[in-house]
Amino acid sequence: MSTLLQIKTSVFSDHGNSTKLANDFVARWQKRHPDGRVVVRDLGANPPPHLTAERVQAFFTPPEQRTPEQQAHSAASEELIDELKSADVVVLGLPLYNFGVPSTLKAYFDHLARAGITFRYTASGPEGLLANRKVYIFAARGGFYQGTPADTQTPFVTTFLNFIGLKDLEYIYAEGLNVGEEQKRAALAAASEKIVKLAA
């Protein structure tokens, strides 16, 4: 049985454009995988905590030496990692907020980056420890940023996911959504057309 992990990052949850596009893909995936399982991680509704000195210290403390509080911090991180490890397909909704990713996604990434668990340093450089699997990224933007220096999202998300071992990435962009209704309809229609092809 295949498992799809959907990560929602929009503060508007299912009303966000990135989530709507991702939901469309997931619905089509479910039709093609009726026995498949969908796991939803909504970072907007249930944001992971941002890193603190105490949380970082808990990650670096050997398990047998952790306090109960440190054990809880580490367990919360490992729950997110195990959830990702169990997925065969990952779907990420990615709105653009003030030229960057939602802060909840950054916090989520911070909990995934665990030395010795999701990556390790070697003499030839860092090595991702997660088994590679397909990741679909639905990027919704109010303006036009793809391929410009202002698109900080794509290189950041790509670099991070590659760092932990996820290298099979497929970006689907919907841009200019705040330019006007005609542009919004055209951008969403183009993205939907790509979704139909990808889901097939």
N, C-alpha and C. Protein backbone atom coordinates (compact mmCIF):
# COMPACT_ATOMS: atom_id res chain seq x y z
N MET A 1 0.84 -1.20 0.00
CA MET A 1 0.00 0.00 0.00
C MET A 1 0.87 1.24 0.00
N SER A 2 0.66 2.12 -0.96
CA SER A 2 1.43 3.36 -1.05
C SER A 2 0.90 4.39 -0.07
N THR A 3 1.82 5.21 0.45
CA THR A 3 1.46 6.28 1.37
C THR A 3 1.90 7.62 0.79
N LEU A 4 0.98 8.57 0.79
CA LEU A 4 1.27 9.93 0.35
C LEU A 4 1.22 10.84 1.56
N LEU A 5 2.26 11.63 1.75
CA LEU A 5 2.29 12.62 2.82
C LEU A 5 2.05 14.00 2.20
N GLN A 6 0.98 14.66 2.61
CA GLN A 6 0.68 16.01 2.14
C GLN A 6 1.03 17.00 3.23
N ILE A 7 1.86 17.96 2.88
CA ILE A 7 2.28 18.99 3.83
C ILE A 7 1.66 20.31 3.41
N LYS A 8 0.76 20.81 4.24
CA LYS A 8 0.11 22.10 3.97
C LYS A 8 0.84 23.18 4.76
N THR A 9 1.16 24.29 4.10
CA THR A 9 1.87 25.37 4.79
C THR A 9 1.15 26.70 4.74
N SER A 10 0.06 26.78 4.01
CA SER A 10 -0.68 28.04 3.90
C SER A 10 -1.36 28.39 5.22
N VAL A 11 -1.31 29.67 5.57
CA VAL A 11 -2.01 30.12 6.78
C VAL A 11 -3.52 30.03 6.59
N PHE A 12 -3.95 29.92 5.32
CA PHE A 12 -5.37 29.81 5.00
C PHE A 12 -5.82 28.37 4.86
N SER A 13 -4.94 27.43 5.14
CA SER A 13 -5.23 26.00 5.07
C SER A 13 -5.83 25.64 3.71
N ASP A 14 -7.02 25.03 3.68
CA ASP A 14 -7.60 24.57 2.42
C ASP A 14 -8.07 25.72 1.53
N HIS A 15 -8.11 26.93 2.04
CA HIS A 15 -8.53 28.07 1.23
C HIS A 15 -7.35 28.72 0.50
N GLY A 16 -6.12 28.32 0.82
CA GLY A 16 -4.95 28.87 0.15
C GLY A 16 -4.79 28.28 -1.25
N ASN A 17 -4.27 29.07 -2.17
CA ASN A 17 -4.11 28.61 -3.54
C ASN A 17 -3.16 27.43 -3.65
N SER A 18 -2.08 27.45 -2.90
CA SER A 18 -1.13 26.33 -2.95
C SER A 18 -1.78 25.05 -2.45
N THR A 19 -2.62 25.17 -1.42
CA THR A 19 -3.30 23.99 -0.88
C THR A 19 -4.35 23.48 -1.85
N LYS A 20 -5.06 24.38 -2.51
CA LYS A 20 -6.07 23.96 -3.48
C LYS A 20 -5.43 23.15 -4.61
N LEU A 21 -4.29 23.61 -5.10
CA LEU A 21 -3.60 22.89 -6.17
C LEU A 21 -3.13 21.53 -5.66
N ALA A 22 -2.55 21.52 -4.48
CA ALA A 22 -2.08 20.26 -3.90
C ALA A 22 -3.24 19.30 -3.65
N ASN A 23 -4.35 19.83 -3.15
CA ASN A 23 -5.54 18.99 -2.90
C ASN A 23 -6.04 18.35 -4.19
N ASP A 24 -5.98 19.10 -5.28
CA ASP A 24 -6.41 18.57 -6.58
C ASP A 24 -5.54 17.38 -6.96
N PHE A 25 -4.23 17.55 -6.81
CA PHE A 25 -3.32 16.45 -7.14
C PHE A 25 -3.57 15.25 -6.25
N VAL A 26 -3.73 15.48 -4.96
CA VAL A 26 -3.94 14.38 -4.01
C VAL A 26 -5.23 13.63 -4.34
N ALA A 27 -6.28 14.35 -4.68
CA ALA A 27 -7.56 13.69 -5.02
C ALA A 27 -7.38 12.80 -6.25
N ARG A 28 -6.63 13.29 -7.23
CA ARG A 28 -6.39 12.49 -8.43
C ARG A 28 -5.49 11.29 -8.11
N TRP A 29 -4.53 11.49 -7.24
CA TRP A 29 -3.65 10.39 -6.83
C TRP A 29 -4.47 9.29 -6.13
N GLN A 30 -5.41 9.71 -5.30
CA GLN A 30 -6.24 8.74 -4.58
C GLN A 30 -7.09 7.91 -5.54
N LYS A 31 -7.56 8.53 -6.60
CA LYS A 31 -8.34 7.78 -7.58
C LYS A 31 -7.50 6.70 -8.26
N ARG A 32 -6.24 7.01 -8.48
CA ARG A 32 -5.35 6.04 -9.11
C ARG A 32 -4.78 5.03 -8.11
N HIS A 33 -4.87 5.35 -6.83
CA HIS A 33 -4.38 4.47 -5.77
C HIS A 33 -5.48 4.30 -4.72
N PRO A 34 -6.57 3.61 -5.06
CA PRO A 34 -7.70 3.48 -4.14
C PRO A 34 -7.33 2.81 -2.82
N ASP A 35 -6.27 2.03 -2.83
CA ASP A 35 -5.83 1.38 -1.59
C ASP A 35 -4.76 2.19 -0.88
N GLY A 36 -4.40 3.33 -1.45
CA GLY A 36 -3.35 4.14 -0.87
C GLY A 36 -3.80 4.87 0.39
N ARG A 37 -2.83 5.34 1.12
CA ARG A 37 -3.09 6.06 2.38
C ARG A 37 -2.57 7.48 2.25
N VAL A 38 -3.38 8.45 2.67
CA VAL A 38 -2.97 9.84 2.65
C VAL A 38 -2.82 10.34 4.09
N VAL A 39 -1.66 10.87 4.38
CA VAL A 39 -1.39 11.46 5.69
C VAL A 39 -1.22 12.96 5.49
N VAL A 40 -1.95 13.76 6.25
CA VAL A 40 -1.91 15.21 6.09
C VAL A 40 -1.23 15.84 7.30
N ARG A 41 -0.23 16.67 7.01
CA ARG A 41 0.44 17.45 8.05
C ARG A 41 0.16 18.93 7.74
N ASP A 42 -0.75 19.54 8.49
CA ASP A 42 -1.15 20.93 8.26
C ASP A 42 -0.34 21.83 9.20
N LEU A 43 0.69 22.45 8.66
CA LEU A 43 1.56 23.29 9.47
C LEU A 43 0.92 24.62 9.83
N GLY A 44 -0.10 25.03 9.05
CA GLY A 44 -0.80 26.25 9.38
C GLY A 44 -1.71 26.07 10.57
N ALA A 45 -2.42 24.93 10.60
CA ALA A 45 -3.35 24.65 11.70
C ALA A 45 -2.62 24.18 12.95
N ASN A 46 -1.53 23.42 12.74
CA ASN A 46 -0.75 22.89 13.86
C ASN A 46 0.74 23.16 13.62
N PRO A 47 1.16 24.40 13.84
CA PRO A 47 2.54 24.77 13.55
C PRO A 47 3.54 24.11 14.50
N PRO A 48 4.64 23.61 13.95
CA PRO A 48 5.67 23.06 14.83
C PRO A 48 6.37 24.21 15.56
N PRO A 49 6.87 23.97 16.74
CA PRO A 49 7.53 25.05 17.47
C PRO A 49 8.85 25.44 16.81
N HIS A 50 9.16 26.70 16.87
CA HIS A 50 10.45 27.16 16.36
C HIS A 50 11.56 26.68 17.30
N LEU A 51 12.74 26.59 16.74
CA LEU A 51 13.85 26.10 17.55
C LEU A 51 14.18 27.05 18.69
N THR A 52 14.56 26.46 19.80
CA THR A 52 15.08 27.19 20.95
C THR A 52 16.38 26.53 21.35
N ALA A 53 17.14 27.19 22.20
CA ALA A 53 18.39 26.61 22.68
C ALA A 53 18.13 25.27 23.36
N GLU A 54 17.01 25.19 24.09
CA GLU A 54 16.69 23.95 24.81
C GLU A 54 16.41 22.80 23.83
N ARG A 55 15.71 23.10 22.75
CA ARG A 55 15.40 22.04 21.77
C ARG A 55 16.66 21.58 21.05
N VAL A 56 17.50 22.52 20.66
CA VAL A 56 18.74 22.15 19.97
C VAL A 56 19.61 21.30 20.89
N GLN A 57 19.70 21.70 22.16
CA GLN A 57 20.50 20.94 23.11
C GLN A 57 19.94 19.53 23.28
N ALA A 58 18.63 19.40 23.25
CA ALA A 58 18.01 18.08 23.37
C ALA A 58 18.40 17.20 22.20
N PHE A 59 18.46 17.77 20.98
CA PHE A 59 18.82 16.99 19.81
C PHE A 59 20.26 16.47 19.91
N PHE A 60 21.14 17.28 20.49
CA PHE A 60 22.56 16.91 20.55
C PHE A 60 22.92 16.06 21.77
N THR A 61 22.00 15.96 22.72
CA THR A 61 22.27 15.16 23.92
C THR A 61 22.04 13.69 23.62
N PRO A 62 22.98 12.80 23.98
CA PRO A 62 22.77 11.36 23.76
C PRO A 62 21.45 10.91 24.40
N PRO A 63 20.71 10.02 23.74
CA PRO A 63 19.40 9.60 24.24
C PRO A 63 19.39 9.16 25.69
N GLU A 64 20.41 8.43 26.10
CA GLU A 64 20.42 7.92 27.47
C GLU A 64 20.69 9.00 28.51
N GLN A 65 21.09 10.18 28.06
CA GLN A 65 21.39 11.26 28.99
C GLN A 65 20.33 12.36 28.99
N ARG A 66 19.30 12.21 28.19
CA ARG A 66 18.30 13.25 28.07
C ARG A 66 17.38 13.30 29.30
N THR A 67 16.99 14.51 29.65
CA THR A 67 15.98 14.69 30.69
C THR A 67 14.62 14.36 30.09
N PRO A 68 13.59 14.19 30.90
CA PRO A 68 12.25 13.95 30.35
C PRO A 68 11.83 15.05 29.37
N GLU A 69 12.16 16.30 29.68
CA GLU A 69 11.80 17.40 28.78
C GLU A 69 12.55 17.26 27.45
N GLN A 70 13.83 16.91 27.54
CA GLN A 70 14.62 16.72 26.31
C GLN A 70 14.10 15.53 25.50
N GLN A 71 13.68 14.49 26.18
CA GLN A 71 13.11 13.34 25.48
C GLN A 71 11.86 13.75 24.70
N ALA A 72 11.05 14.62 25.30
CA ALA A 72 9.83 15.07 24.64
C ALA A 72 10.17 15.91 23.40
N HIS A 73 11.16 16.79 23.52
CA HIS A 73 11.58 17.61 22.38
C HIS A 73 12.07 16.72 21.24
N SER A 74 12.90 15.75 21.57
CA SER A 74 13.46 14.86 20.54
C SER A 74 12.37 14.00 19.92
N ALA A 75 11.45 13.52 20.72
CA ALA A 75 10.37 12.66 20.23
C ALA A 75 9.47 13.41 19.26
N ALA A 76 9.21 14.69 19.52
CA ALA A 76 8.37 15.48 18.63
C ALA A 76 9.03 15.62 17.26
N SER A 77 10.34 15.82 17.25
CA SER A 77 11.09 15.90 16.00
C SER A 77 11.08 14.56 15.27
N GLU A 78 11.30 13.49 16.01
CA GLU A 78 11.38 12.17 15.39
C GLU A 78 10.03 11.69 14.86
N GLU A 79 8.96 12.19 15.44
CA GLU A 79 7.62 11.86 14.91
C GLU A 79 7.47 12.41 13.50
N LEU A 80 7.93 13.65 13.29
CA LEU A 80 7.87 14.25 11.96
C LEU A 80 8.77 13.51 10.98
N ILE A 81 9.94 13.12 11.44
CA ILE A 81 10.88 12.39 10.58
C ILE A 81 10.31 11.03 10.20
N ASP A 82 9.77 10.31 11.16
CA ASP A 82 9.19 8.99 10.88
C ASP A 82 8.02 9.09 9.91
N GLU A 83 7.24 10.14 10.05
CA GLU A 83 6.11 10.38 9.15
C GLU A 83 6.60 10.55 7.72
N LEU A 84 7.68 11.30 7.57
CA LEU A 84 8.26 11.51 6.24
C LEU A 84 8.88 10.23 5.70
N LYS A 85 9.56 9.49 6.56
CA LYS A 85 10.18 8.23 6.15
C LYS A 85 9.15 7.23 5.64
N SER A 86 7.97 7.25 6.21
CA SER A 86 6.95 6.25 5.87
C SER A 86 6.23 6.58 4.56
N ALA A 87 6.47 7.77 4.01
CA ALA A 87 5.77 8.20 2.80
C ALA A 87 6.50 7.72 1.54
N ASP A 88 5.72 7.27 0.58
CA ASP A 88 6.26 6.91 -0.73
C ASP A 88 6.26 8.11 -1.67
N VAL A 89 5.33 9.03 -1.44
CA VAL A 89 5.18 10.25 -2.23
C VAL A 89 4.95 11.40 -1.26
N VAL A 90 5.55 12.56 -1.57
CA VAL A 90 5.37 13.74 -0.73
C VAL A 90 4.79 14.86 -1.59
N VAL A 91 3.78 15.55 -1.06
CA VAL A 91 3.16 16.68 -1.74
C VAL A 91 3.27 17.89 -0.82
N LEU A 92 3.90 18.94 -1.32
CA LEU A 92 4.13 20.14 -0.52
C LEU A 92 3.45 21.34 -1.15
N GLY A 93 2.54 21.97 -0.41
CA GLY A 93 1.95 23.23 -0.84
C GLY A 93 2.83 24.37 -0.37
N LEU A 94 3.17 25.29 -1.29
CA LEU A 94 4.19 26.29 -0.97
C LEU A 94 3.78 27.70 -1.39
N PRO A 95 3.11 28.44 -0.52
CA PRO A 95 2.84 29.84 -0.84
C PRO A 95 4.10 30.68 -0.63
N LEU A 96 4.16 31.82 -1.29
CA LEU A 96 5.29 32.74 -1.13
C LEU A 96 4.88 33.86 -0.20
N TYR A 97 5.55 33.95 0.94
CA TYR A 97 5.25 35.01 1.91
C TYR A 97 6.46 35.93 2.04
N ASN A 98 6.31 37.16 1.58
CA ASN A 98 7.37 38.15 1.74
C ASN A 98 8.72 37.64 1.26
N PHE A 99 8.72 37.07 0.07
CA PHE A 99 9.91 36.59 -0.62
C PHE A 99 10.52 35.33 -0.01
N GLY A 100 9.80 34.66 0.85
CA GLY A 100 10.35 33.46 1.47
C GLY A 100 9.30 32.41 1.72
N VAL A 101 9.72 31.33 2.36
CA VAL A 101 8.79 30.25 2.70
C VAL A 101 8.05 30.63 3.98
N PRO A 102 6.89 30.05 4.22
CA PRO A 102 6.21 30.29 5.50
C PRO A 102 7.13 29.91 6.67
N SER A 103 7.07 30.67 7.73
CA SER A 103 7.95 30.40 8.87
C SER A 103 7.68 29.03 9.47
N THR A 104 6.46 28.54 9.33
CA THR A 104 6.14 27.21 9.85
C THR A 104 6.87 26.12 9.07
N LEU A 105 7.09 26.34 7.77
CA LEU A 105 7.84 25.36 6.98
C LEU A 105 9.30 25.37 7.39
N LYS A 106 9.85 26.55 7.65
CA LYS A 106 11.23 26.62 8.13
C LYS A 106 11.36 25.89 9.45
N ALA A 107 10.39 26.08 10.34
CA ALA A 107 10.43 25.37 11.63
C ALA A 107 10.33 23.86 11.42
N TYR A 108 9.48 23.45 10.49
CA TYR A 108 9.34 22.03 10.15
C TYR A 108 10.67 21.47 9.64
N PHE A 109 11.31 22.19 8.73
CA PHE A 109 12.60 21.76 8.22
C PHE A 109 13.63 21.65 9.35
N ASP A 110 13.59 22.60 10.27
CA ASP A 110 14.54 22.57 11.39
C ASP A 110 14.38 21.32 12.24
N HIS A 111 13.16 20.80 12.31
CA HIS A 111 12.94 19.57 13.07
C HIS A 111 13.33 18.33 12.27
N LEU A 112 13.38 18.46 10.95
CA LEU A 112 13.78 17.32 10.12
C LEU A 112 15.30 17.18 10.04
N ALA A 113 16.01 18.28 10.20
CA ALA A 113 17.47 18.26 10.04
C ALA A 113 18.13 17.75 11.31
N ARG A 114 18.35 16.45 11.37
CA ARG A 114 18.94 15.83 12.55
C ARG A 114 20.18 15.03 12.13
N ALA A 115 21.33 15.48 12.59
CA ALA A 115 22.59 14.82 12.26
C ALA A 115 22.56 13.38 12.76
N GLY A 116 22.94 12.47 11.87
CA GLY A 116 22.95 11.06 12.22
C GLY A 116 21.61 10.37 12.00
N ILE A 117 20.59 11.15 11.73
CA ILE A 117 19.25 10.59 11.51
C ILE A 117 18.78 10.86 10.09
N THR A 118 18.83 12.13 9.67
CA THR A 118 18.41 12.46 8.30
C THR A 118 19.59 12.89 7.42
N PHE A 119 20.74 13.15 8.02
CA PHE A 119 21.94 13.47 7.25
C PHE A 119 23.16 13.16 8.10
N ARG A 120 24.30 13.11 7.44
CA ARG A 120 25.56 12.95 8.15
C ARG A 120 26.66 13.65 7.38
N TYR A 121 27.69 14.05 8.10
CA TYR A 121 28.84 14.68 7.45
C TYR A 121 29.89 13.61 7.17
N THR A 122 30.45 13.67 5.97
CA THR A 122 31.49 12.73 5.57
C THR A 122 32.69 13.52 5.06
N ALA A 123 33.78 12.81 4.79
CA ALA A 123 34.98 13.47 4.29
C ALA A 123 34.75 14.13 2.93
N SER A 124 33.78 13.61 2.20
CA SER A 124 33.49 14.16 0.88
C SER A 124 32.29 15.11 0.89
N GLY A 125 31.81 15.46 2.08
CA GLY A 125 30.70 16.39 2.19
C GLY A 125 29.49 15.76 2.86
N PRO A 126 28.43 16.54 3.08
CA PRO A 126 27.23 16.00 3.74
C PRO A 126 26.52 14.98 2.86
N GLU A 127 25.89 14.03 3.53
CA GLU A 127 25.17 12.97 2.83
C GLU A 127 23.78 12.83 3.43
N GLY A 128 22.75 12.91 2.57
CA GLY A 128 21.39 12.72 3.04
C GLY A 128 21.13 11.26 3.35
N LEU A 129 20.39 11.01 4.42
CA LEU A 129 20.15 9.64 4.87
C LEU A 129 18.73 9.16 4.60
N LEU A 130 17.86 10.03 4.10
CA LEU A 130 16.51 9.59 3.79
C LEU A 130 16.48 8.96 2.40
N ALA A 131 15.74 7.88 2.27
CA ALA A 131 15.60 7.24 0.97
C ALA A 131 14.89 8.19 0.02
N ASN A 132 15.40 8.30 -1.20
CA ASN A 132 14.81 9.21 -2.17
C ASN A 132 13.42 8.75 -2.56
N ARG A 133 12.51 9.72 -2.77
CA ARG A 133 11.17 9.44 -3.25
C ARG A 133 10.66 10.70 -3.92
N LYS A 134 9.61 10.59 -4.69
CA LYS A 134 9.09 11.73 -5.45
C LYS A 134 8.49 12.77 -4.53
N VAL A 135 8.84 14.04 -4.79
CA VAL A 135 8.27 15.16 -4.05
C VAL A 135 7.67 16.14 -5.06
N TYR A 136 6.38 16.41 -4.92
CA TYR A 136 5.69 17.38 -5.76
C TYR A 136 5.51 18.66 -4.96
N ILE A 137 5.91 19.77 -5.54
CA ILE A 137 5.88 21.05 -4.83
C ILE A 137 5.00 22.02 -5.61
N PHE A 138 3.91 22.46 -4.98
CA PHE A 138 2.96 23.35 -5.63
C PHE A 138 3.18 24.77 -5.10
N ALA A 139 3.83 25.58 -5.92
CA ALA A 139 4.25 26.92 -5.51
C ALA A 139 3.30 27.96 -6.07
N ALA A 140 2.59 28.65 -5.18
CA ALA A 140 1.64 29.70 -5.57
C ALA A 140 2.20 31.05 -5.16
N ARG A 141 2.24 31.99 -6.12
CA ARG A 141 2.82 33.30 -5.87
C ARG A 141 1.89 34.41 -6.37
N GLY A 142 1.87 35.52 -5.66
CA GLY A 142 1.05 36.65 -6.08
C GLY A 142 1.63 37.38 -7.27
N GLY A 143 2.97 37.38 -7.39
CA GLY A 143 3.66 38.04 -8.49
C GLY A 143 4.39 37.04 -9.36
N PHE A 144 5.35 37.54 -10.13
CA PHE A 144 6.13 36.69 -11.03
C PHE A 144 7.57 36.61 -10.53
N TYR A 145 7.97 35.42 -10.11
CA TYR A 145 9.29 35.27 -9.49
C TYR A 145 10.12 34.13 -10.08
N GLN A 146 9.50 33.17 -10.69
CA GLN A 146 10.21 32.00 -11.18
C GLN A 146 11.36 32.41 -12.10
N GLY A 147 12.54 31.90 -11.80
CA GLY A 147 13.70 32.16 -12.63
C GLY A 147 14.35 33.51 -12.40
N THR A 148 13.91 34.25 -11.38
CA THR A 148 14.51 35.55 -11.07
C THR A 148 15.24 35.48 -9.73
N PRO A 149 16.12 36.46 -9.46
CA PRO A 149 16.81 36.47 -8.16
C PRO A 149 15.87 36.57 -6.97
N ALA A 150 14.65 37.08 -7.20
CA ALA A 150 13.68 37.23 -6.10
C ALA A 150 13.07 35.90 -5.68
N ASP A 151 13.26 34.87 -6.49
CA ASP A 151 12.73 33.55 -6.11
C ASP A 151 13.71 32.87 -5.17
N THR A 152 13.58 33.18 -3.89
CA THR A 152 14.44 32.55 -2.89
C THR A 152 13.93 31.18 -2.48
N GLN A 153 12.67 30.91 -2.77
CA GLN A 153 12.05 29.66 -2.34
C GLN A 153 12.66 28.44 -3.03
N THR A 154 12.67 28.46 -4.35
CA THR A 154 13.07 27.27 -5.09
C THR A 154 14.47 26.79 -4.72
N PRO A 155 15.49 27.67 -4.70
CA PRO A 155 16.81 27.17 -4.31
C PRO A 155 16.88 26.72 -2.86
N PHE A 156 16.16 27.41 -1.98
CA PHE A 156 16.20 27.02 -0.56
C PHE A 156 15.56 25.66 -0.34
N VAL A 157 14.35 25.49 -0.85
CA VAL A 157 13.64 24.21 -0.66
C VAL A 157 14.41 23.08 -1.34
N THR A 158 14.91 23.34 -2.54
CA THR A 158 15.69 22.32 -3.26
C THR A 158 16.93 21.93 -2.48
N THR A 159 17.66 22.92 -2.00
CA THR A 159 18.90 22.65 -1.26
C THR A 159 18.62 21.84 0.00
N PHE A 160 17.57 22.23 0.73
CA PHE A 160 17.28 21.51 1.97
C PHE A 160 16.85 20.08 1.71
N LEU A 161 15.91 19.88 0.79
CA LEU A 161 15.42 18.53 0.54
C LEU A 161 16.53 17.64 -0.02
N ASN A 162 17.36 18.20 -0.90
CA ASN A 162 18.51 17.44 -1.40
C ASN A 162 19.45 17.06 -0.26
N PHE A 163 19.62 17.97 0.68
CA PHE A 163 20.53 17.77 1.80
C PHE A 163 20.15 16.55 2.64
N ILE A 164 18.84 16.31 2.80
CA ILE A 164 18.43 15.15 3.60
C ILE A 164 18.16 13.91 2.75
N GLY A 165 18.41 14.02 1.44
CA GLY A 165 18.32 12.84 0.58
C GLY A 165 17.21 12.83 -0.44
N LEU A 166 16.35 13.86 -0.42
CA LEU A 166 15.21 13.91 -1.34
C LEU A 166 15.61 14.74 -2.57
N LYS A 167 15.80 14.07 -3.69
CA LYS A 167 16.34 14.75 -4.87
C LYS A 167 15.42 14.68 -6.09
N ASP A 168 14.35 13.90 -6.02
CA ASP A 168 13.44 13.78 -7.15
C ASP A 168 12.30 14.77 -6.94
N LEU A 169 12.55 16.03 -7.31
CA LEU A 169 11.61 17.11 -7.03
C LEU A 169 10.92 17.59 -8.30
N GLU A 170 9.62 17.83 -8.20
CA GLU A 170 8.83 18.34 -9.33
C GLU A 170 8.10 19.59 -8.85
N TYR A 171 8.47 20.75 -9.44
CA TYR A 171 7.83 22.01 -9.08
C TYR A 171 6.70 22.33 -10.06
N ILE A 172 5.56 22.74 -9.53
CA ILE A 172 4.43 23.21 -10.32
C ILE A 172 4.13 24.62 -9.83
N TYR A 173 4.30 25.60 -10.72
CA TYR A 173 4.15 27.00 -10.33
C TYR A 173 2.82 27.58 -10.80
N ALA A 174 2.26 28.44 -9.96
CA ALA A 174 1.11 29.27 -10.35
C ALA A 174 1.46 30.68 -9.90
N GLU A 175 1.78 31.56 -10.86
CA GLU A 175 2.29 32.89 -10.52
C GLU A 175 1.37 34.00 -11.04
N GLY A 176 1.58 35.18 -10.48
CA GLY A 176 0.78 36.34 -10.87
C GLY A 176 -0.64 36.29 -10.37
N LEU A 177 -0.86 35.58 -9.27
CA LEU A 177 -2.23 35.37 -8.79
C LEU A 177 -2.88 36.64 -8.25
N ASN A 178 -2.05 37.63 -7.90
CA ASN A 178 -2.60 38.90 -7.39
C ASN A 178 -2.57 40.00 -8.43
N VAL A 179 -2.16 39.69 -9.65
CA VAL A 179 -2.06 40.70 -10.70
C VAL A 179 -3.45 41.10 -11.21
N GLY A 180 -4.32 40.12 -11.32
CA GLY A 180 -5.67 40.37 -11.81
C GLY A 180 -6.40 39.06 -11.99
N GLU A 181 -7.72 39.13 -12.09
CA GLU A 181 -8.51 37.91 -12.17
C GLU A 181 -8.20 37.08 -13.42
N GLU A 182 -7.98 37.76 -14.53
CA GLU A 182 -7.69 37.04 -15.77
C GLU A 182 -6.37 36.27 -15.66
N GLN A 183 -5.35 36.93 -15.12
CA GLN A 183 -4.06 36.27 -14.94
C GLN A 183 -4.18 35.13 -13.94
N LYS A 184 -4.94 35.35 -12.87
CA LYS A 184 -5.11 34.30 -11.87
C LYS A 184 -5.77 33.07 -12.48
N ARG A 185 -6.83 33.28 -13.24
CA ARG A 185 -7.52 32.14 -13.87
C ARG A 185 -6.59 31.41 -14.82
N ALA A 186 -5.81 32.16 -15.59
CA ALA A 186 -4.90 31.54 -16.55
C ALA A 186 -3.81 30.74 -15.85
N ALA A 187 -3.25 31.31 -14.77
CA ALA A 187 -2.18 30.63 -14.04
C ALA A 187 -2.68 29.35 -13.37
N LEU A 188 -3.84 29.43 -12.75
CA LEU A 188 -4.39 28.26 -12.08
C LEU A 188 -4.81 27.20 -13.08
N ALA A 189 -5.31 27.63 -14.23
CA ALA A 189 -5.69 26.67 -15.27
C ALA A 189 -4.46 25.95 -15.81
N ALA A 190 -3.36 26.69 -16.01
CA ALA A 190 -2.13 26.08 -16.50
C ALA A 190 -1.58 25.08 -15.48
N ALA A 191 -1.64 25.47 -14.20
CA ALA A 191 -1.17 24.56 -13.16
C ALA A 191 -2.06 23.32 -13.09
N SER A 192 -3.35 23.49 -13.23
CA SER A 192 -4.28 22.35 -13.20
C SER A 192 -4.02 21.40 -14.35
N GLU A 193 -3.69 21.95 -15.50
CA GLU A 193 -3.38 21.11 -16.66
C GLU A 193 -2.15 20.25 -16.38
N LYS A 194 -1.15 20.85 -15.73
CA LYS A 194 0.04 20.07 -15.37
C LYS A 194 -0.30 18.98 -14.35
N ILE A 195 -1.20 19.31 -13.44
CA ILE A 195 -1.61 18.34 -12.42
C ILE A 195 -2.27 17.13 -13.06
N VAL A 196 -3.13 17.37 -14.04
CA VAL A 196 -3.79 16.27 -14.74
C VAL A 196 -2.76 15.35 -15.37
N LYS A 197 -1.75 15.93 -16.00
CA LYS A 197 -0.71 15.13 -16.66
C LYS A 197 0.12 14.37 -15.64
N LEU A 198 0.48 15.05 -14.54
CA LEU A 198 1.30 14.40 -13.52
C LEU A 198 0.55 13.25 -12.82
N ALA A 199 -0.71 13.49 -12.55
CA ALA A 199 -1.50 12.47 -11.84
C ALA A 199 -1.79 11.28 -12.72
N ALA A 200 -1.69 11.46 -14.04
CA ALA A 200 -1.96 10.35 -14.96
C ALA A 200 -0.76 9.43 -15.08
